[in-house]
Amino acid sequence: MAGSIVRKAVLYGRSWRVARRIFITANPLCSFCIKQSKLVPATTVDHIVPHRGDSALFWDENNWQSLCQPCHDEVKQREEKTGQAFSKAVGNDGWPTDQLHPFRNYL
């Protein structure tokens, strides 16, 4: 446990904060929301493939994507846990807006 805390502190230090700021500036919109034709500011740099402490994967910018906090905390976490990535958002008509939503299988 202590080793993972130290590793996390090393990976997410000053260098990460600088790299994160540069990446968000260059990629200011949430990549999940863009796929749904929504323009939402990104607040988080996400590792597409979880790095699990692997510093090479952690620093690989091809493995980064900009996400808004709701997409990172809900959609991305659900994707990692279940293997399914979909938003629970619904449109004004009450139907799921995400084409990947399981309900779309019944239409």
N, C-alpha and C. Protein backbone atom coordinates (compact mmCIF):
# COMPACT_ATOMS: atom_id res chain seq x y z
N MET A 1 0.83 -1.20 0.00
CA MET A 1 0.00 0.00 0.00
C MET A 1 0.86 1.25 0.00
N ALA A 2 1.84 1.31 0.89
CA ALA A 2 2.70 2.50 0.97
C ALA A 2 3.43 2.73 -0.35
N GLY A 3 3.86 1.63 -1.02
CA GLY A 3 4.54 1.75 -2.31
C GLY A 3 3.67 2.39 -3.36
N SER A 4 2.39 2.04 -3.39
CA SER A 4 1.50 2.62 -4.39
C SER A 4 1.25 4.10 -4.13
N ILE A 5 1.24 4.50 -2.86
CA ILE A 5 1.06 5.91 -2.51
C ILE A 5 2.27 6.71 -2.98
N VAL A 6 3.48 6.17 -2.73
CA VAL A 6 4.70 6.86 -3.16
C VAL A 6 4.73 6.95 -4.67
N ARG A 7 4.42 5.84 -5.37
CA ARG A 7 4.42 5.83 -6.83
C ARG A 7 3.45 6.86 -7.38
N LYS A 8 2.27 6.93 -6.79
CA LYS A 8 1.26 7.89 -7.25
C LYS A 8 1.74 9.32 -7.05
N ALA A 9 2.37 9.60 -5.91
CA ALA A 9 2.89 10.94 -5.64
C ALA A 9 3.97 11.31 -6.64
N VAL A 10 4.80 10.36 -7.02
CA VAL A 10 5.87 10.62 -8.00
C VAL A 10 5.26 10.88 -9.37
N LEU A 11 4.32 10.04 -9.82
CA LEU A 11 3.73 10.19 -11.14
C LEU A 11 2.91 11.47 -11.26
N TYR A 12 2.15 11.80 -10.24
CA TYR A 12 1.25 12.94 -10.31
C TYR A 12 1.85 14.21 -9.68
N GLY A 13 3.13 14.39 -9.79
CA GLY A 13 3.81 15.56 -9.23
C GLY A 13 3.76 16.77 -10.14
N ARG A 14 4.72 17.66 -9.96
CA ARG A 14 4.77 18.93 -10.69
C ARG A 14 4.84 18.70 -12.21
N SER A 15 5.65 17.75 -12.65
CA SER A 15 5.78 17.49 -14.09
C SER A 15 4.43 17.11 -14.70
N TRP A 16 3.66 16.30 -13.98
CA TRP A 16 2.33 15.92 -14.47
C TRP A 16 1.42 17.14 -14.55
N ARG A 17 1.44 17.97 -13.53
CA ARG A 17 0.56 19.14 -13.52
C ARG A 17 0.87 20.05 -14.71
N VAL A 18 2.14 20.22 -15.03
CA VAL A 18 2.53 21.04 -16.19
C VAL A 18 2.07 20.37 -17.49
N ALA A 19 2.36 19.07 -17.64
CA ALA A 19 1.97 18.34 -18.85
C ALA A 19 0.45 18.33 -19.02
N ARG A 20 -0.27 18.17 -17.93
CA ARG A 20 -1.73 18.15 -17.94
C ARG A 20 -2.26 19.49 -18.43
N ARG A 21 -1.71 20.57 -17.90
CA ARG A 21 -2.16 21.92 -18.29
C ARG A 21 -1.92 22.15 -19.78
N ILE A 22 -0.76 21.75 -20.28
CA ILE A 22 -0.44 21.91 -21.70
C ILE A 22 -1.40 21.08 -22.56
N PHE A 23 -1.68 19.84 -22.14
CA PHE A 23 -2.56 18.97 -22.91
C PHE A 23 -3.99 19.51 -22.94
N ILE A 24 -4.49 19.95 -21.80
CA ILE A 24 -5.86 20.50 -21.73
C ILE A 24 -5.96 21.77 -22.59
N THR A 25 -4.90 22.57 -22.60
CA THR A 25 -4.90 23.79 -23.42
C THR A 25 -4.98 23.43 -24.91
N ALA A 26 -4.25 22.39 -25.30
CA ALA A 26 -4.25 21.97 -26.71
C ALA A 26 -5.50 21.18 -27.08
N ASN A 27 -6.14 20.55 -26.09
CA ASN A 27 -7.33 19.70 -26.31
C ASN A 27 -8.40 20.11 -25.30
N PRO A 28 -9.03 21.27 -25.50
CA PRO A 28 -9.89 21.85 -24.47
C PRO A 28 -11.29 21.25 -24.32
N LEU A 29 -11.69 20.37 -25.22
CA LEU A 29 -13.05 19.83 -25.16
C LEU A 29 -13.05 18.35 -24.79
N CYS A 30 -14.09 17.93 -24.09
CA CYS A 30 -14.24 16.54 -23.68
C CYS A 30 -14.41 15.65 -24.91
N SER A 31 -13.53 14.66 -25.05
CA SER A 31 -13.59 13.80 -26.24
C SER A 31 -14.82 12.90 -26.25
N PHE A 32 -15.34 12.50 -25.09
CA PHE A 32 -16.58 11.70 -25.07
C PHE A 32 -17.77 12.55 -25.50
N CYS A 33 -17.84 13.78 -25.00
CA CYS A 33 -18.95 14.68 -25.35
C CYS A 33 -18.92 15.05 -26.83
N ILE A 34 -17.73 15.25 -27.40
CA ILE A 34 -17.62 15.57 -28.83
C ILE A 34 -18.27 14.48 -29.67
N LYS A 35 -18.11 13.22 -29.26
CA LYS A 35 -18.70 12.09 -29.99
C LYS A 35 -20.23 12.15 -29.98
N GLN A 36 -20.78 12.91 -29.02
CA GLN A 36 -22.24 13.08 -28.93
C GLN A 36 -22.66 14.47 -29.42
N SER A 37 -21.77 15.12 -30.18
CA SER A 37 -22.02 16.45 -30.75
C SER A 37 -22.27 17.51 -29.68
N LYS A 38 -21.63 17.35 -28.52
CA LYS A 38 -21.73 18.34 -27.44
C LYS A 38 -20.37 19.00 -27.26
N LEU A 39 -20.36 20.30 -27.04
CA LEU A 39 -19.12 21.02 -26.79
C LEU A 39 -19.03 21.33 -25.30
N VAL A 40 -18.30 20.49 -24.58
CA VAL A 40 -18.17 20.62 -23.13
C VAL A 40 -16.69 20.77 -22.79
N PRO A 41 -16.33 21.79 -22.00
CA PRO A 41 -14.93 21.97 -21.64
C PRO A 41 -14.38 20.76 -20.87
N ALA A 42 -13.18 20.36 -21.22
CA ALA A 42 -12.50 19.27 -20.51
C ALA A 42 -11.85 19.82 -19.25
N THR A 43 -11.83 19.01 -18.21
CA THR A 43 -11.20 19.40 -16.95
C THR A 43 -10.18 18.36 -16.49
N THR A 44 -10.17 17.20 -17.16
CA THR A 44 -9.34 16.08 -16.72
C THR A 44 -8.60 15.47 -17.90
N VAL A 45 -7.36 15.09 -17.68
CA VAL A 45 -6.63 14.30 -18.66
C VAL A 45 -6.72 12.85 -18.19
N ASP A 46 -7.31 12.03 -19.02
CA ASP A 46 -7.55 10.62 -18.69
C ASP A 46 -6.57 9.74 -19.46
N HIS A 47 -6.15 8.67 -18.82
CA HIS A 47 -5.34 7.66 -19.50
C HIS A 47 -6.30 6.66 -20.14
N ILE A 48 -6.29 6.58 -21.46
CA ILE A 48 -7.21 5.73 -22.20
C ILE A 48 -7.06 4.29 -21.73
N VAL A 49 -5.84 3.81 -21.72
CA VAL A 49 -5.52 2.50 -21.14
C VAL A 49 -4.98 2.78 -19.75
N PRO A 50 -5.61 2.27 -18.70
CA PRO A 50 -5.12 2.54 -17.34
C PRO A 50 -3.64 2.17 -17.20
N HIS A 51 -2.86 3.09 -16.64
CA HIS A 51 -1.41 2.88 -16.57
C HIS A 51 -0.99 1.96 -15.43
N ARG A 52 -1.78 1.87 -14.38
CA ARG A 52 -1.50 0.99 -13.24
C ARG A 52 -0.06 1.10 -12.74
N GLY A 53 0.47 2.33 -12.73
CA GLY A 53 1.81 2.57 -12.22
C GLY A 53 2.92 2.44 -13.24
N ASP A 54 2.60 2.04 -14.46
CA ASP A 54 3.60 1.91 -15.52
C ASP A 54 3.94 3.32 -16.02
N SER A 55 5.16 3.80 -15.71
CA SER A 55 5.50 5.18 -16.04
C SER A 55 5.56 5.43 -17.54
N ALA A 56 5.96 4.44 -18.34
CA ALA A 56 6.00 4.63 -19.80
C ALA A 56 4.58 4.86 -20.33
N LEU A 57 3.64 4.07 -19.86
CA LEU A 57 2.24 4.22 -20.29
C LEU A 57 1.66 5.52 -19.72
N PHE A 58 2.04 5.85 -18.51
CA PHE A 58 1.57 7.09 -17.87
C PHE A 58 1.94 8.31 -18.70
N TRP A 59 3.18 8.37 -19.20
CA TRP A 59 3.67 9.54 -19.92
C TRP A 59 3.43 9.49 -21.42
N ASP A 60 2.84 8.43 -21.93
CA ASP A 60 2.56 8.30 -23.36
C ASP A 60 1.37 9.19 -23.74
N GLU A 61 1.65 10.31 -24.39
CA GLU A 61 0.58 11.26 -24.74
C GLU A 61 -0.44 10.66 -25.70
N ASN A 62 -0.09 9.63 -26.44
CA ASN A 62 -1.06 8.95 -27.31
C ASN A 62 -2.08 8.17 -26.49
N ASN A 63 -1.81 8.02 -25.21
CA ASN A 63 -2.70 7.31 -24.30
C ASN A 63 -3.52 8.29 -23.45
N TRP A 64 -3.47 9.56 -23.80
CA TRP A 64 -4.21 10.58 -23.05
C TRP A 64 -5.42 11.05 -23.84
N GLN A 65 -6.46 11.43 -23.12
CA GLN A 65 -7.63 12.08 -23.72
C GLN A 65 -8.18 13.09 -22.72
N SER A 66 -8.73 14.15 -23.25
CA SER A 66 -9.35 15.18 -22.41
C SER A 66 -10.80 14.79 -22.16
N LEU A 67 -11.19 14.85 -20.89
CA LEU A 67 -12.57 14.54 -20.51
C LEU A 67 -13.10 15.59 -19.55
N CYS A 68 -14.42 15.79 -19.56
CA CYS A 68 -15.05 16.60 -18.52
C CYS A 68 -15.15 15.72 -17.27
N GLN A 69 -15.36 16.33 -16.13
CA GLN A 69 -15.39 15.55 -14.88
C GLN A 69 -16.50 14.50 -14.87
N PRO A 70 -17.74 14.84 -15.31
CA PRO A 70 -18.79 13.81 -15.31
C PRO A 70 -18.44 12.60 -16.19
N CYS A 71 -17.87 12.84 -17.37
CA CYS A 71 -17.50 11.71 -18.23
C CYS A 71 -16.39 10.88 -17.60
N HIS A 72 -15.43 11.54 -16.98
CA HIS A 72 -14.35 10.80 -16.34
C HIS A 72 -14.86 10.00 -15.15
N ASP A 73 -15.69 10.63 -14.31
CA ASP A 73 -16.11 9.99 -13.08
C ASP A 73 -17.23 8.97 -13.28
N GLU A 74 -18.01 9.11 -14.34
CA GLU A 74 -19.13 8.19 -14.55
C GLU A 74 -18.88 7.26 -15.74
N VAL A 75 -18.81 7.83 -16.93
CA VAL A 75 -18.73 7.03 -18.15
C VAL A 75 -17.44 6.22 -18.19
N LYS A 76 -16.30 6.87 -17.98
CA LYS A 76 -15.01 6.20 -18.08
C LYS A 76 -14.86 5.13 -16.99
N GLN A 77 -15.29 5.44 -15.77
CA GLN A 77 -15.18 4.47 -14.69
C GLN A 77 -16.07 3.26 -14.95
N ARG A 78 -17.27 3.50 -15.48
CA ARG A 78 -18.17 2.40 -15.82
C ARG A 78 -17.56 1.54 -16.92
N GLU A 79 -16.94 2.20 -17.90
CA GLU A 79 -16.29 1.48 -18.99
C GLU A 79 -15.19 0.58 -18.45
N GLU A 80 -14.39 1.09 -17.54
CA GLU A 80 -13.30 0.29 -16.99
C GLU A 80 -13.82 -0.87 -16.14
N LYS A 81 -14.91 -0.65 -15.42
CA LYS A 81 -15.43 -1.70 -14.54
C LYS A 81 -16.24 -2.76 -15.29
N THR A 82 -17.01 -2.33 -16.31
CA THR A 82 -17.92 -3.27 -16.97
C THR A 82 -17.56 -3.58 -18.41
N GLY A 83 -16.67 -2.77 -18.98
CA GLY A 83 -16.34 -2.95 -20.39
C GLY A 83 -17.34 -2.27 -21.31
N GLN A 84 -18.33 -1.57 -20.72
CA GLN A 84 -19.34 -0.88 -21.52
C GLN A 84 -19.24 0.62 -21.27
N ALA A 85 -19.15 1.37 -22.33
CA ALA A 85 -19.08 2.83 -22.19
C ALA A 85 -20.32 3.45 -22.78
N PHE A 86 -21.16 4.02 -21.94
CA PHE A 86 -22.32 4.75 -22.43
C PHE A 86 -22.72 5.79 -21.40
N SER A 87 -23.35 6.83 -21.86
CA SER A 87 -23.82 7.90 -21.00
C SER A 87 -25.26 7.62 -20.60
N LYS A 88 -25.63 8.05 -19.39
CA LYS A 88 -27.01 7.90 -18.93
C LYS A 88 -27.85 9.12 -19.30
N ALA A 89 -27.29 10.06 -20.04
CA ALA A 89 -28.00 11.28 -20.40
C ALA A 89 -29.20 10.98 -21.28
N VAL A 90 -30.27 11.74 -21.07
CA VAL A 90 -31.47 11.60 -21.89
C VAL A 90 -31.78 12.94 -22.54
N GLY A 91 -32.36 12.89 -23.72
CA GLY A 91 -32.75 14.10 -24.43
C GLY A 91 -34.07 14.64 -23.94
N ASN A 92 -34.51 15.74 -24.55
CA ASN A 92 -35.80 16.35 -24.19
C ASN A 92 -36.96 15.40 -24.44
N ASP A 93 -36.75 14.44 -25.34
CA ASP A 93 -37.82 13.49 -25.65
C ASP A 93 -37.84 12.31 -24.67
N GLY A 94 -36.89 12.28 -23.72
CA GLY A 94 -36.86 11.21 -22.73
C GLY A 94 -36.09 9.98 -23.16
N TRP A 95 -35.59 9.95 -24.38
CA TRP A 95 -34.82 8.82 -24.88
C TRP A 95 -33.33 9.02 -24.60
N PRO A 96 -32.58 7.94 -24.38
CA PRO A 96 -31.13 8.06 -24.18
C PRO A 96 -30.49 8.74 -25.39
N THR A 97 -29.58 9.67 -25.13
CA THR A 97 -28.91 10.38 -26.21
C THR A 97 -27.72 9.59 -26.74
N ASP A 98 -27.18 8.70 -25.96
CA ASP A 98 -25.99 7.94 -26.34
C ASP A 98 -26.40 6.72 -27.17
N GLN A 99 -25.84 6.63 -28.37
CA GLN A 99 -26.15 5.49 -29.25
C GLN A 99 -25.64 4.17 -28.67
N LEU A 100 -24.72 4.23 -27.71
CA LEU A 100 -24.19 3.02 -27.08
C LEU A 100 -25.01 2.57 -25.88
N HIS A 101 -26.02 3.36 -25.50
CA HIS A 101 -26.85 3.00 -24.34
C HIS A 101 -27.54 1.66 -24.62
N PRO A 102 -27.56 0.73 -23.65
CA PRO A 102 -28.16 -0.59 -23.86
C PRO A 102 -29.62 -0.54 -24.31
N PHE A 103 -30.36 0.48 -23.92
CA PHE A 103 -31.76 0.59 -24.31
C PHE A 103 -31.92 0.65 -25.81
N ARG A 104 -30.90 1.19 -26.49
CA ARG A 104 -30.96 1.30 -27.95
C ARG A 104 -31.04 -0.08 -28.61
N ASN A 105 -30.63 -1.13 -27.92
CA ASN A 105 -30.71 -2.49 -28.46
C ASN A 105 -32.15 -2.96 -28.63
N TYR A 106 -33.08 -2.30 -27.91
CA TYR A 106 -34.48 -2.72 -27.96
C TYR A 106 -35.30 -1.94 -28.97
N LEU A 107 -34.69 -1.01 -29.64
CA LEU A 107 -35.43 -0.19 -30.62
C LEU A 107 -35.50 -0.86 -31.96
